[in-house]
Each structure stands twice: as structure tokens, then as C-alpha cells.
C-alpha atoms as a PDB file:
ATOM      1  CA  MET A   1      16.314  -6.543  -7.478  1.00  0.00           C
ATOM      2  CA  PHE A   2      13.350  -6.198  -9.849  1.00  0.00           C
ATOM      3  CA  LEU A   3      14.071  -9.176 -12.068  1.00  0.00           C
ATOM      4  CA  SER A   4      13.045 -12.049  -9.809  1.00  0.00           C
ATOM      5  CA  ASN A   5      10.486 -12.583  -7.091  1.00  0.00           C
ATOM      6  CA  PRO A   6      11.846 -12.637  -3.538  1.00  0.00           C
ATOM      7  CA  ASN A   7      11.366 -15.650  -1.291  1.00  0.00           C
ATOM      8  CA  ILE A   8       8.916 -14.392   1.336  1.00  0.00           C
ATOM      9  CA  GLN A   9       8.284 -16.041   4.695  1.00  0.00           C
ATOM     10  CA  ASN A  10       4.804 -16.695   6.066  1.00  0.00           C
ATOM     11  CA  GLN A  11       5.113 -16.120   9.804  1.00  0.00           C
ATOM     12  CA  GLN A  12       2.559 -17.651  12.147  1.00  0.00           C
ATOM     13  CA  VAL A  13       0.901 -15.344  14.666  1.00  0.00           C
ATOM     14  CA  LEU A  14       0.416 -16.930  18.079  1.00  0.00           C
ATOM     15  CA  LEU A  15      -2.032 -15.071  20.321  1.00  0.00           C
ATOM     16  CA  PRO A  16      -4.438 -16.295  23.034  1.00  0.00           C
ATOM     17  CA  ILE A  17      -7.488 -15.064  21.083  1.00  0.00           C
ATOM     18  CA  LEU A  18      -6.507 -17.218  18.096  1.00  0.00           C
ATOM     19  CA  GLU A  19      -6.142 -20.305  20.263  1.00  0.00           C
ATOM     20  CA  GLU A  20      -9.461 -19.550  21.967  1.00  0.00           C
ATOM     21  CA  LYS A  21     -11.325 -19.168  18.661  1.00  0.00           C
ATOM     22  CA  GLN A  22      -9.353 -21.991  16.973  1.00  0.00           C
ATOM     23  CA  VAL A  23      -8.340 -19.774  14.071  1.00  0.00           C
ATOM     24  CA  THR A  24      -4.939 -20.086  12.393  1.00  0.00           C
ATOM     25  CA  LEU A  25      -3.321 -16.816  11.322  1.00  0.00           C
ATOM     26  CA  TYR A  26      -0.156 -16.231   9.312  1.00  0.00           C
ATOM     27  CA  ILE A  27       1.356 -12.982   8.031  1.00  0.00           C
ATOM     28  CA  LYS A  28       3.174 -12.871   4.706  1.00  0.00           C
ATOM     29  CA  ARG A  29       6.225 -10.766   5.532  1.00  0.00           C
ATOM     30  CA  GLU A  30       6.385  -8.702   2.345  1.00  0.00           C
ATOM     31  CA  ASP A  31       7.809  -5.901   4.523  1.00  0.00           C
ATOM     32  CA  GLN A  32      11.127  -7.777   4.535  1.00  0.00           C
ATOM     33  CA  ILE A  33      11.761  -7.398   0.793  1.00  0.00           C
ATOM     34  CA  HIS A  34      13.612  -4.087   1.258  1.00  0.00           C
ATOM     35  CA  PRO A  35      13.670  -1.376   3.969  1.00  0.00           C
ATOM     36  CA  PHE A  36      11.970   1.143   1.654  1.00  0.00           C
ATOM     37  CA  VAL A  37      10.904  -0.665  -1.534  1.00  0.00           C
ATOM     38  CA  SER A  38       8.941  -3.215   0.452  1.00  0.00           C
ATOM     39  CA  GLY A  39       5.637  -5.010   0.262  1.00  0.00           C
ATOM     40  CA  ASN A  40       3.245  -3.794  -2.378  1.00  0.00           C
ATOM     41  CA  LYS A  41       5.599  -0.977  -3.417  1.00  0.00           C
ATOM     42  CA  PHE A  42       8.045  -3.557  -4.795  1.00  0.00           C
ATOM     43  CA  ARG A  43       5.215  -5.446  -6.472  1.00  0.00           C
ATOM     44  CA  LYS A  44       3.684  -2.335  -8.050  1.00  0.00           C
ATOM     45  CA  LEU A  45       6.971  -0.931  -9.332  1.00  0.00           C
ATOM     46  CA  LYS A  46       8.439  -4.183 -10.672  1.00  0.00           C
ATOM     47  CA  TYR A  47       6.711  -4.269 -14.057  1.00  0.00           C
ATOM     48  CA  ASN A  48       6.432  -0.495 -14.365  1.00  0.00           C
ATOM     49  CA  ILE A  49      10.213  -0.266 -14.166  1.00  0.00           C
ATOM     50  CA  ALA A  50      10.548  -3.073 -16.720  1.00  0.00           C
ATOM     51  CA  GLN A  51       8.181  -1.162 -19.032  1.00  0.00           C
ATOM     52  CA  ALA A  52      10.114   2.081 -18.557  1.00  0.00           C
ATOM     53  CA  LYS A  53      13.310   0.282 -19.553  1.00  0.00           C
ATOM     54  CA  GLU A  54      11.609  -1.259 -22.573  1.00  0.00           C
ATOM     55  CA  GLN A  55      10.443   2.204 -23.648  1.00  0.00           C
ATOM     56  CA  GLN A  56      14.004   3.485 -23.134  1.00  0.00           C
ATOM     57  CA  LYS A  57      12.886   6.163 -20.700  1.00  0.00           C
ATOM     58  CA  SER A  58      15.488   7.728 -18.424  1.00  0.00           C
ATOM     59  CA  THR A  59      13.151   9.400 -15.902  1.00  0.00           C
ATOM     60  CA  LEU A  60      10.316   8.157 -13.694  1.00  0.00           C
ATOM     61  CA  LEU A  61       7.743  10.751 -12.618  1.00  0.00           C
ATOM     62  CA  THR A  62       5.105  10.143  -9.977  1.00  0.00           C
ATOM     63  CA  PHE A  63       2.801  11.851  -7.477  1.00  0.00           C
ATOM     64  CA  GLY A  64       2.372  11.722  -3.719  1.00  0.00           C
ATOM     65  CA  GLY A  65       1.799  13.467  -0.432  1.00  0.00           C
ATOM     66  CA  ALA A  66       4.523  14.583   1.949  1.00  0.00           C
ATOM     67  CA  PHE A  67       4.570  11.262   3.826  1.00  0.00           C
ATOM     68  CA  SER A  68       3.934   8.965   0.860  1.00  0.00           C
ATOM     69  CA  ASN A  69       5.635   5.568   1.078  1.00  0.00           C
ATOM     70  CA  HIS A  70       5.260   5.420  -2.698  1.00  0.00           C
ATOM     71  CA  ILE A  71       7.380   8.558  -3.170  1.00  0.00           C
ATOM     72  CA  ALA A  72      10.293   7.165  -1.154  1.00  0.00           C
ATOM     73  CA  ALA A  73       9.992   3.739  -2.791  1.00  0.00           C
ATOM     74  CA  THR A  74       9.976   5.192  -6.318  1.00  0.00           C
ATOM     75  CA  ALA A  75      13.054   7.301  -5.600  1.00  0.00           C
ATOM     76  CA  ILE A  76      15.027   4.349  -4.265  1.00  0.00           C
ATOM     77  CA  ALA A  77      13.798   1.821  -6.826  1.00  0.00           C
ATOM     78  CA  GLY A  78      14.560   4.339  -9.569  1.00  0.00           C
ATOM     79  CA  LYS A  79      18.092   4.862  -8.319  1.00  0.00           C
ATOM     80  CA  LEU A  80      18.703   1.111  -8.017  1.00  0.00           C
ATOM     81  CA  SER A  81      17.448   0.670 -11.591  1.00  0.00           C
ATOM     82  CA  GLY A  82      19.376   3.571 -13.130  1.00  0.00           C
ATOM     83  CA  PHE A  83      16.554   6.116 -13.517  1.00  0.00           C
ATOM     84  CA  LYS A  84      16.277   9.756 -12.622  1.00  0.00           C
ATOM     85  CA  THR A  85      13.156  10.350 -10.530  1.00  0.00           C
ATOM     86  CA  MET A  86      10.748  13.248 -10.239  1.00  0.00           C
ATOM     87  CA  GLY A  87       8.114  13.635  -7.521  1.00  0.00           C
ATOM     88  CA  VAL A  88       5.123  15.972  -7.818  1.00  0.00           C
ATOM     89  CA  ILE A  89       4.309  16.611  -4.158  1.00  0.00           C
ATOM     90  CA  ARG A  90       0.977  17.801  -2.746  1.00  0.00           C
ATOM     91  CA  GLY A  91       1.459  21.004  -0.706  1.00  0.00           C
ATOM     92  CA  ASP A  92       3.210  24.009  -2.250  1.00  0.00           C
ATOM     93  CA  GLU A  93       4.039  25.352   1.229  1.00  0.00           C
ATOM     94  CA  LEU A  94       6.567  22.518   1.596  1.00  0.00           C
ATOM     95  CA  GLY A  95       8.716  24.005  -1.151  1.00  0.00           C
ATOM     96  CA  ILE A  96       9.133  27.427   0.465  1.00  0.00           C
ATOM     97  CA  ASP A  97      12.031  26.263   2.641  1.00  0.00           C
ATOM     98  CA  LEU A  98      13.198  22.901   1.304  1.00  0.00           C
ATOM     99  CA  ASP A  99      15.978  22.507   3.878  1.00  0.00           C
ATOM    100  CA  LYS A 100      13.476  22.909   6.702  1.00  0.00           C
ATOM    101  CA  THR A 101      11.034  20.503   5.044  1.00  0.00           C
ATOM    102  CA  LEU A 102      13.720  17.849   4.589  1.00  0.00           C
ATOM    103  CA  ALA A 103      14.886  18.268   8.183  1.00  0.00           C
ATOM    104  CA  GLN A 104      11.364  17.583   9.451  1.00  0.00           C
ATOM    105  CA  ASN A 105      10.256  14.901   6.980  1.00  0.00           C
ATOM    106  CA  GLU A 106      12.149  11.620   6.776  1.00  0.00           C
ATOM    107  CA  THR A 107      10.138  10.366   3.776  1.00  0.00           C
ATOM    108  CA  LEU A 108      11.037  13.324   1.554  1.00  0.00           C
ATOM    109  CA  ARG A 109      14.547  13.376   2.978  1.00  0.00           C
ATOM    110  CA  GLU A 110      15.097   9.748   1.962  1.00  0.00           C
ATOM    111  CA  ALA A 111      13.671  10.397  -1.514  1.00  0.00           C
ATOM    112  CA  PHE A 112      15.874  13.491  -1.922  1.00  0.00           C
ATOM    113  CA  LYS A 113      18.935  11.591  -0.694  1.00  0.00           C
ATOM    114  CA  ASN A 114      18.303   9.045  -3.446  1.00  0.00           C
ATOM    115  CA  GLY A 115      18.219  11.664  -6.163  1.00  0.00           C
ATOM    116  CA  MET A 116      14.542  12.542  -6.513  1.00  0.00           C
ATOM    117  CA  GLU A 117      13.752  16.067  -7.656  1.00  0.00           C
ATOM    118  CA  PHE A 118      10.567  17.647  -6.333  1.00  0.00           C
ATOM    119  CA  LYS A 119       7.867  19.849  -7.771  1.00  0.00           C
ATOM    120  CA  PHE A 120       5.640  21.133  -4.966  1.00  0.00           C
ATOM    121  CA  VAL A 121       2.141  22.104  -6.062  1.00  0.00           C
ATOM    122  CA  SER A 122      -0.969  23.402  -4.322  1.00  0.00           C
ATOM    123  CA  ARG A 123      -3.722  20.994  -3.372  1.00  0.00           C
ATOM    124  CA  SER A 124      -5.998  22.391  -6.090  1.00  0.00           C
ATOM    125  CA  VAL A 125      -3.323  21.875  -8.760  1.00  0.00           C
ATOM    126  CA  TYR A 126      -2.547  18.416  -7.381  1.00  0.00           C
ATOM    127  CA  ARG A 127      -6.130  17.340  -8.008  1.00  0.00           C
ATOM    128  CA  GLN A 128      -5.383  17.729 -11.747  1.00  0.00           C
ATOM    129  CA  LYS A 129      -2.809  14.910 -11.597  1.00  0.00           C
ATOM    130  CA  THR A 130      -4.726  12.649 -13.995  1.00  0.00           C
ATOM    131  CA  GLU A 131      -5.714  15.352 -16.480  1.00  0.00           C
ATOM    132  CA  LYS A 132      -4.087  15.225 -19.906  1.00  0.00           C
ATOM    133  CA  SER A 133      -3.378  18.974 -19.997  1.00  0.00           C
ATOM    134  CA  PHE A 134      -1.513  18.837 -16.670  1.00  0.00           C
ATOM    135  CA  ILE A 135       0.597  15.853 -17.797  1.00  0.00           C
ATOM    136  CA  GLU A 136       1.456  17.717 -20.998  1.00  0.00           C
ATOM    137  CA  GLU A 137       2.587  20.734 -18.951  1.00  0.00           C
ATOM    138  CA  LEU A 138       4.849  18.457 -16.914  1.00  0.00           C
ATOM    139  CA  GLN A 139       6.305  17.003 -20.115  1.00  0.00           C
ATOM    140  CA  LYS A 140       7.120  20.500 -21.366  1.00  0.00           C
ATOM    141  CA  GLU A 141       8.787  21.311 -18.061  1.00  0.00           C
ATOM    142  CA  PHE A 142      10.705  18.068 -17.459  1.00  0.00           C
ATOM    143  CA  GLY A 143      10.957  16.414 -20.863  1.00  0.00           C
ATOM    144  CA  ASP A 144      10.079  12.844 -21.721  1.00  0.00           C
ATOM    145  CA  PHE A 145       9.353  10.638 -18.706  1.00  0.00           C
ATOM    146  CA  TYR A 146       7.641   7.398 -17.704  1.00  0.00           C
ATOM    147  CA  LEU A 147       4.560   8.190 -15.640  1.00  0.00           C
ATOM    148  CA  VAL A 148       3.860   6.100 -12.547  1.00  0.00           C
ATOM    149  CA  PRO A 149       0.433   7.043 -11.112  1.00  0.00           C
ATOM    150  CA  GLU A 150      -0.139   8.123  -7.510  1.00  0.00           C
ATOM    151  CA  GLY A 151       0.194   5.084  -5.263  1.00  0.00           C
ATOM    152  CA  GLY A 152       1.607   3.129  -8.201  1.00  0.00           C
ATOM    153  CA  THR A 153      -1.669   1.470  -9.176  1.00  0.00           C
ATOM    154  CA  ASN A 154      -2.186   0.579 -12.834  1.00  0.00           C
ATOM    155  CA  GLU A 155      -2.480  -2.635 -14.867  1.00  0.00           C
ATOM    156  CA  LEU A 156       1.250  -3.351 -14.541  1.00  0.00           C
ATOM    157  CA  ALA A 157       1.074  -2.852 -10.782  1.00  0.00           C
ATOM    158  CA  ILE A 158      -1.742  -5.378 -10.556  1.00  0.00           C
ATOM    159  CA  LYS A 159       0.298  -7.809 -12.632  1.00  0.00           C
ATOM    160  CA  GLY A 160       3.021  -7.519  -9.991  1.00  0.00           C
ATOM    161  CA  CYS A 161       0.566  -7.904  -7.114  1.00  0.00           C
ATOM    162  CA  LYS A 162      -0.773 -11.125  -8.649  1.00  0.00           C
ATOM    163  CA  GLU A 163       2.601 -12.641  -7.772  1.00  0.00           C
ATOM    164  CA  ILE A 164       2.167 -12.103  -4.009  1.00  0.00           C
ATOM    165  CA  LEU A 165       0.292 -15.381  -3.562  1.00  0.00           C
ATOM    166  CA  THR A 166       2.231 -18.604  -4.180  1.00  0.00           C
ATOM    167  CA  LYS A 167       1.338 -22.290  -4.394  1.00  0.00           C
ATOM    168  CA  GLU A 168       2.119 -22.588  -0.670  1.00  0.00           C
ATOM    169  CA  ASP A 169      -0.693 -20.121   0.058  1.00  0.00           C
ATOM    170  CA  GLU A 170      -3.409 -22.299  -1.450  1.00  0.00           C
ATOM    171  CA  LYS A 171      -4.058 -23.854   1.982  1.00  0.00           C
ATOM    172  CA  PHE A 172      -5.550 -20.599   3.335  1.00  0.00           C
ATOM    173  CA  ASP A 173      -9.283 -19.922   3.375  1.00  0.00           C
ATOM    174  CA  TYR A 174      -9.072 -16.122   3.640  1.00  0.00           C
ATOM    175  CA  ILE A 175      -6.514 -13.601   2.365  1.00  0.00           C
ATOM    176  CA  CYS A 176      -6.535 -10.183   4.053  1.00  0.00           C
ATOM    177  CA  SER A 177      -4.915  -6.947   2.942  1.00  0.00           C
ATOM    178  CA  ALA A 178      -4.922  -3.254   3.753  1.00  0.00           C
ATOM    179  CA  ILE A 179      -6.164  -1.031   0.909  1.00  0.00           C
ATOM    180  CA  GLY A 180      -4.914   2.338  -0.285  1.00  0.00           C
ATOM    181  CA  THR A 181      -5.559   2.774  -4.001  1.00  0.00           C
ATOM    182  CA  GLY A 182      -6.890  -0.753  -4.591  1.00  0.00           C
ATOM    183  CA  GLY A 183      -4.047  -2.175  -6.675  1.00  0.00           C
ATOM    184  CA  THR A 184      -2.825  -4.762  -4.201  1.00  0.00           C
ATOM    185  CA  ILE A 185      -6.212  -6.264  -3.441  1.00  0.00           C
ATOM    186  CA  SER A 186      -7.026  -6.319  -7.167  1.00  0.00           C
ATOM    187  CA  GLY A 187      -3.992  -8.524  -7.761  1.00  0.00           C
ATOM    188  CA  LEU A 188      -4.980 -10.783  -4.873  1.00  0.00           C
ATOM    189  CA  ILE A 189      -8.563 -11.084  -6.145  1.00  0.00           C
ATOM    190  CA  GLU A 190      -7.345 -12.112  -9.590  1.00  0.00           C
ATOM    191  CA  SER A 191      -4.789 -14.656  -8.332  1.00  0.00           C
ATOM    192  CA  ALA A 192      -6.834 -16.248  -5.515  1.00  0.00           C
ATOM    193  CA  LYS A 193      -8.031 -19.831  -5.855  1.00  0.00           C
ATOM    194  CA  GLU A 194     -11.705 -20.721  -6.124  1.00  0.00           C
ATOM    195  CA  HIS A 195     -12.072 -21.636  -2.452  1.00  0.00           C
ATOM    196  CA  GLN A 196     -10.423 -18.439  -1.154  1.00  0.00           C
ATOM    197  CA  LYS A 197     -12.110 -15.225  -0.042  1.00  0.00           C
ATOM    198  CA  ILE A 198     -10.304 -11.860  -0.064  1.00  0.00           C
ATOM    199  CA  ILE A 199     -11.026  -9.295   2.650  1.00  0.00           C
ATOM    200  CA  GLY A 200      -9.819  -5.715   2.216  1.00  0.00           C
ATOM    201  CA  PHE A 201      -9.380  -3.193   5.004  1.00  0.00           C
ATOM    202  CA  PRO A 202      -9.455   0.343   3.513  1.00  0.00           C
ATOM    203  CA  ALA A 203      -7.197   2.925   5.127  1.00  0.00           C
ATOM    204  CA  LEU A 204      -9.393   5.655   3.626  1.00  0.00           C
ATOM    205  CA  LYS A 205     -12.823   6.834   4.603  1.00  0.00           C
ATOM    206  CA  GLY A 206     -15.573   6.470   2.018  1.00  0.00           C
ATOM    207  CA  SER A 207     -17.119   3.806  -0.205  1.00  0.00           C
ATOM    208  CA  PHE A 208     -15.531   4.837  -3.523  1.00  0.00           C
ATOM    209  CA  LEU A 209     -12.866   2.091  -3.404  1.00  0.00           C
ATOM    210  CA  GLU A 210     -15.303  -0.603  -4.442  1.00  0.00           C
ATOM    211  CA  LYS A 211     -15.766   1.046  -7.853  1.00  0.00           C
ATOM    212  CA  GLU A 212     -12.010   1.582  -8.189  1.00  0.00           C
ATOM    213  CA  ILE A 213     -11.341  -2.109  -7.593  1.00  0.00           C
ATOM    214  CA  GLN A 214     -14.103  -3.216  -9.980  1.00  0.00           C
ATOM    215  CA  GLN A 215     -12.251  -1.457 -12.814  1.00  0.00           C
ATOM    216  CA  PHE A 216      -9.342  -3.867 -12.446  1.00  0.00           C
ATOM    217  CA  VAL A 217     -10.912  -7.241 -11.623  1.00  0.00           C
ATOM    218  CA  GLN A 218     -12.958  -9.822 -13.480  1.00  0.00           C
ATOM    219  CA  ARG A 219     -14.326 -11.453 -10.339  1.00  0.00           C
ATOM    220  CA  ASN A 220     -16.833  -9.942  -7.924  1.00  0.00           C
ATOM    221  CA  ASP A 221     -17.821 -13.075  -6.020  1.00  0.00           C
ATOM    222  CA  ASN A 222     -14.717 -13.630  -3.897  1.00  0.00           C
ATOM    223  CA  TRP A 223     -14.015 -10.348  -2.115  1.00  0.00           C
ATOM    224  CA  SER A 224     -15.419  -7.857   0.353  1.00  0.00           C
ATOM    225  CA  LEU A 225     -14.349  -4.644   2.089  1.00  0.00           C
ATOM    226  CA  GLU A 226     -14.405  -3.885   5.811  1.00  0.00           C
ATOM    227  CA  ASN A 227     -15.007  -0.129   6.021  1.00  0.00           C
ATOM    228  CA  GLU A 228     -15.171   0.201   9.823  1.00  0.00           C
ATOM    229  CA  TYR A 229     -11.463   0.269  10.645  1.00  0.00           C
ATOM    230  CA  HIS A 230     -10.065   3.387   8.947  1.00  0.00           C
ATOM    231  CA  PHE A 231      -9.778   5.266  12.287  1.00  0.00           C
ATOM    232  CA  GLY A 232     -11.123   8.464  10.768  1.00  0.00           C
ATOM    233  CA  GLY A 233      -9.571   8.319   7.302  1.00  0.00           C
ATOM    234  CA  TYR A 234      -6.244   8.250   5.507  1.00  0.00           C
ATOM    235  CA  GLY A 235      -3.318   9.129   7.762  1.00  0.00           C
ATOM    236  CA  LYS A 236      -5.601   9.255  10.821  1.00  0.00           C
ATOM    237  CA  TYR A 237      -4.864   7.270  13.980  1.00  0.00           C
ATOM    238  CA  ASN A 238      -5.499   7.492  17.700  1.00  0.00           C
ATOM    239  CA  GLU A 239      -4.045   6.292  20.998  1.00  0.00           C
ATOM    240  CA  GLU A 240      -5.973   3.016  20.801  1.00  0.00           C
ATOM    241  CA  LEU A 241      -4.383   2.111  17.464  1.00  0.00           C
ATOM    242  CA  ILE A 242      -0.858   3.096  18.582  1.00  0.00           C
ATOM    243  CA  ARG A 243      -1.269   1.038  21.762  1.00  0.00           C
ATOM    244  CA  PHE A 244      -2.522  -1.934  19.722  1.00  0.00           C
ATOM    245  CA  ILE A 245       0.482  -1.725  17.347  1.00  0.00           C
ATOM    246  CA  ASN A 246       2.896  -1.720  20.292  1.00  0.00           C
ATOM    247  CA  GLU A 247       1.152  -4.592  22.044  1.00  0.00           C
ATOM    248  CA  PHE A 248       1.088  -6.623  18.806  1.00  0.00           C
ATOM    249  CA  LYS A 249       4.811  -6.017  18.252  1.00  0.00           C
ATOM    250  CA  LYS A 250       5.586  -7.069  21.826  1.00  0.00           C
ATOM    251  CA  ALA A 251       3.518 -10.253  21.496  1.00  0.00           C
ATOM    252  CA  THR A 252       4.616 -11.324  17.988  1.00  0.00           C
ATOM    253  CA  ASN A 253       7.794  -9.355  17.161  1.00  0.00           C
ATOM    254  CA  ILE A 254       6.048  -8.219  13.968  1.00  0.00           C
ATOM    255  CA  PRO A 255       6.062  -4.439  13.349  1.00  0.00           C
ATOM    256  CA  LEU A 256       2.970  -2.743  11.921  1.00  0.00           C
ATOM    257  CA  ASP A 257       2.469   0.782  10.612  1.00  0.00           C
ATOM    258  CA  PRO A 258      -0.439   3.050  11.695  1.00  0.00           C
ATOM    259  CA  ILE A 259      -1.524   4.015   8.170  1.00  0.00           C
ATOM    260  CA  TYR A 260      -2.198   0.583   6.658  1.00  0.00           C
ATOM    261  CA  THR A 261      -1.165  -2.687   8.301  1.00  0.00           C
ATOM    262  CA  GLY A 262      -1.988  -1.627  11.876  1.00  0.00           C
ATOM    263  CA  LYS A 263      -5.566  -0.862  10.872  1.00  0.00           C
ATOM    264  CA  MET A 264      -5.879  -4.125   8.942  1.00  0.00           C
ATOM    265  CA  MET A 265      -4.624  -6.252  11.824  1.00  0.00           C
ATOM    266  CA  PHE A 266      -6.756  -4.393  14.378  1.00  0.00           C
ATOM    267  CA  GLY A 267      -9.836  -4.990  12.233  1.00  0.00           C
ATOM    268  CA  LEU A 268      -9.000  -8.616  11.527  1.00  0.00           C
ATOM    269  CA  LEU A 269      -8.532  -9.487  15.199  1.00  0.00           C
ATOM    270  CA  GLU A 270     -11.775  -7.671  16.050  1.00  0.00           C
ATOM    271  CA  LYS A 271     -13.596  -9.837  13.494  1.00  0.00           C
ATOM    272  CA  ILE A 272     -12.023 -12.953  14.998  1.00  0.00           C
ATOM    273  CA  LYS A 273     -13.110 -11.868  18.507  1.00  0.00           C
ATOM    274  CA  LYS A 274     -16.671 -11.450  17.219  1.00  0.00           C
ATOM    275  CA  ASP A 275     -16.692 -15.056  15.917  1.00  0.00           C
ATOM    276  CA  GLU A 276     -17.007 -13.933  12.293  1.00  0.00           C
ATOM    277  CA  PHE A 277     -14.793 -16.830  11.148  1.00  0.00           C
ATOM    278  CA  PRO A 278     -15.642 -20.517  11.599  1.00  0.00           C
ATOM    279  CA  ARG A 279     -13.400 -22.624  13.808  1.00  0.00           C
ATOM    280  CA  ASN A 280     -10.400 -24.163  12.020  1.00  0.00           C
ATOM    281  CA  THR A 281     -10.317 -21.270   9.541  1.00  0.00           C
ATOM    282  CA  LYS A 282      -6.873 -20.551   8.066  1.00  0.00           C
ATOM    283  CA  ILE A 283      -6.149 -16.853   7.387  1.00  0.00           C
ATOM    284  CA  LEU A 284      -3.217 -15.225   5.596  1.00  0.00           C
ATOM    285  CA  ALA A 285      -2.700 -11.484   6.130  1.00  0.00           C
ATOM    286  CA  ILE A 286      -0.433  -9.633   3.695  1.00  0.00           C
ATOM    287  CA  HIS A 287       2.109  -7.289   5.289  1.00  0.00           C
ATOM    288  CA  THR A 288       2.299  -4.538   2.665  1.00  0.00           C
ATOM    289  CA  GLY A 289       5.299  -2.779   4.216  1.00  0.00           C
ATOM    290  CA  GLY A 290       5.118   0.971   4.839  1.00  0.00           C
ATOM    291  CA  LEU A 291       7.263   0.810   7.962  1.00  0.00           C
ATOM    292  CA  GLN A 292       9.455   3.713   6.846  1.00  0.00           C
ATOM    293  CA  GLY A 293       6.535   6.059   7.540  1.00  0.00           C
ATOM    294  CA  ILE A 294       6.629   5.292  11.268  1.00  0.00           C
ATOM    295  CA  ALA A 295       9.399   7.839  11.888  1.00  0.00           C
ATOM    296  CA  GLY A 296       7.212  10.698  10.656  1.00  0.00           C
ATOM    297  CA  VAL A 297       4.270   9.547  12.754  1.00  0.00           C
ATOM    298  CA  ASN A 298       6.474   9.225  15.832  1.00  0.00           C
ATOM    299  CA  GLN A 299       7.690  12.788  15.385  1.00  0.00           C
ATOM    300  CA  LYS A 300       4.092  14.016  15.449  1.00  0.00           C
ATOM    301  CA  LEU A 301       3.330  11.867  18.501  1.00  0.00           C
ATOM    302  CA  LYS A 302       6.402  13.200  20.326  1.00  0.00           C
ATOM    303  CA  ASN A 303       5.322  16.774  19.628  1.00  0.00           C
ATOM    304  CA  LYS A 304       2.009  15.965  21.347  1.00  0.00           C
ATOM    305  CA  ASN A 305       3.710  14.109  24.226  1.00  0.00           C
ATOM    306  CA  GLN A 306       1.863  10.925  23.271  1.00  0.00           C
ATOM    307  CA  GLU A 307       2.949   7.288  23.223  1.00  0.00           C
ATOM    308  CA  ILE A 308       5.167   6.554  20.211  1.00  0.00           C
ATOM    309  CA  ILE A 309       5.409   3.395  18.116  1.00  0.00           C
ATOM    310  CA  ASN A 310       8.170   1.021  19.202  1.00  0.00           C
ATOM    311  CA  ILE A 311      10.157   0.108  16.113  1.00  0.00           C
END
């Protein structure tokens, strides 16, 4: 599945607010590539897996939190491509009773089911994930491996993300994307046409992402970040966001997740309501996948007797 680009549909969103403001909105359904290796996860892993094969590696090693879409995607993509996979997971308490952890966490359960081995580390140790000495310790422990960084973002990931936009997408004035580590938007910035503007909606709190993105892009005149729609930070959400996701799904039949795409679409529609786009503007929003994480969020919502996300 990693040799050729999938044929992705651009689905038009029809909502009263869009008709009122005379704005055209489409969503690129990258979430439909694969149930787990979807959206930007497919794009980021595509060339990393090709490189691992070229280097004749047999194991992929990566990092992530307990509910990381990237962890599940790497496990499944690795299995499909003939690799062993190793996940260094933030939170050593999760390794105390692995059976209990897997029973309560669908993300890790799916990764484990697809052959991923785990190394659970404390949060302080996890912060060393980019340090040379820590990588060398992992190599001593697990042997030779191909390292995929946390979230999958590196130069090869950006190369894959450049392929999201196609010739058909040249008609759009704005391209919008959720942001985690900055790899996806970097690819969009580099592949956008001269007339197009890229708007990123960070899922994390803080202004550090701008510097991260600048490391990977040549252009700084065609993109901007909307930092008001993170809902408190990474992995944070509230009843308003959950209600919005359910209402959007009911109106469009397009599912969103509460970590990334829900926040992006909430923010984008708010900007449209505030007349921040001229009439007759054409917008393309990138659906970066991440839907597998909904099950874990719903379990937390159920435990609090709150409204769950309708899948």
C-alpha cells in the first residue's frame, strides 16, 4: 500500500453558514486511505518505510504517548510492510500491568495486536527521546533499527505530505490543516501554488510550532497559524467541541476526531462566521485521519457520564 498514492475524494461540505457567507468548502478525505494508517500517518510513513527497506533494516522504532495515532499507524504499516516494530511509550506506569493497560486502551491494543513490542518509560526519560545517548542505549537494548521520530515528522515525512495536494486542488484559495508536530503543514506549504494560502490549526497550546515549521520550509509568505482553537492544549476537549463534532457528522456525514480535525473544523467555521474570508472564496480542508483515537476518548467520556462522539 506504500508504493503508490491513493485516489482521494474531495467532498463538498454543505452547511447554511457557507451558503450565507458564499464560501465554498471541501474536505479532502485522507481519512479514507486506511482505518488506522490514514491521512497524514500514511503520508509521513510512506517514504520512511521505503528508506528503511533501502537500508535493509528489519525493525522500525518510534515514540509516542498512550493514545498516539502514530503508534498504532506505525505498528500496522510496519506489519503490512514486513517490519518488526518497537514503540517507546511515555508513562512507565502503563507497563506495570500490561494486560490491564491493553484492556483499557484500544490504541495500544491495536498496536500490540499487530506485533509491536513496547518499552514503557517515565516522562522524564521520555523527554530524552532525541538525545544521542538515549538512542544509543536503545540500540544496545534492541539492536539495529530504523528510527521514526515521534509523530513521524522528518524530511521524508514532509516529502510524503507534499503529495497531499494534486492538480485538481489548484482551484482552491485556502488550504487548511490541523497541526501536531508540523510535518503535514510543512508539506502543504512547500507544495502550494503561488495564489494559495495555508492556514494551520495547532492542536497544542503554545507558540513554539512556528519555529518548528520554519525549520522545514523555504517559504514564509504563504502560511499562518490560528492559535485560538486548541481547547486547552493537546488531548484537551470539552462538551462544546464534542457537541460540535456530533452536529457536524449529522449534517455532513463526515466524522471528525476531538484531538485534531474537530478543532480545525470548529476554528475554520468560526472564522467563516466572522467574515474573515471574502465572498466566493474556495477552501480545502485536509482530513488528517486520527479517527481510531475516538474509542479511547469515548471511554473517558462514558466514565464521566458525558455525551460521547457518534462514530
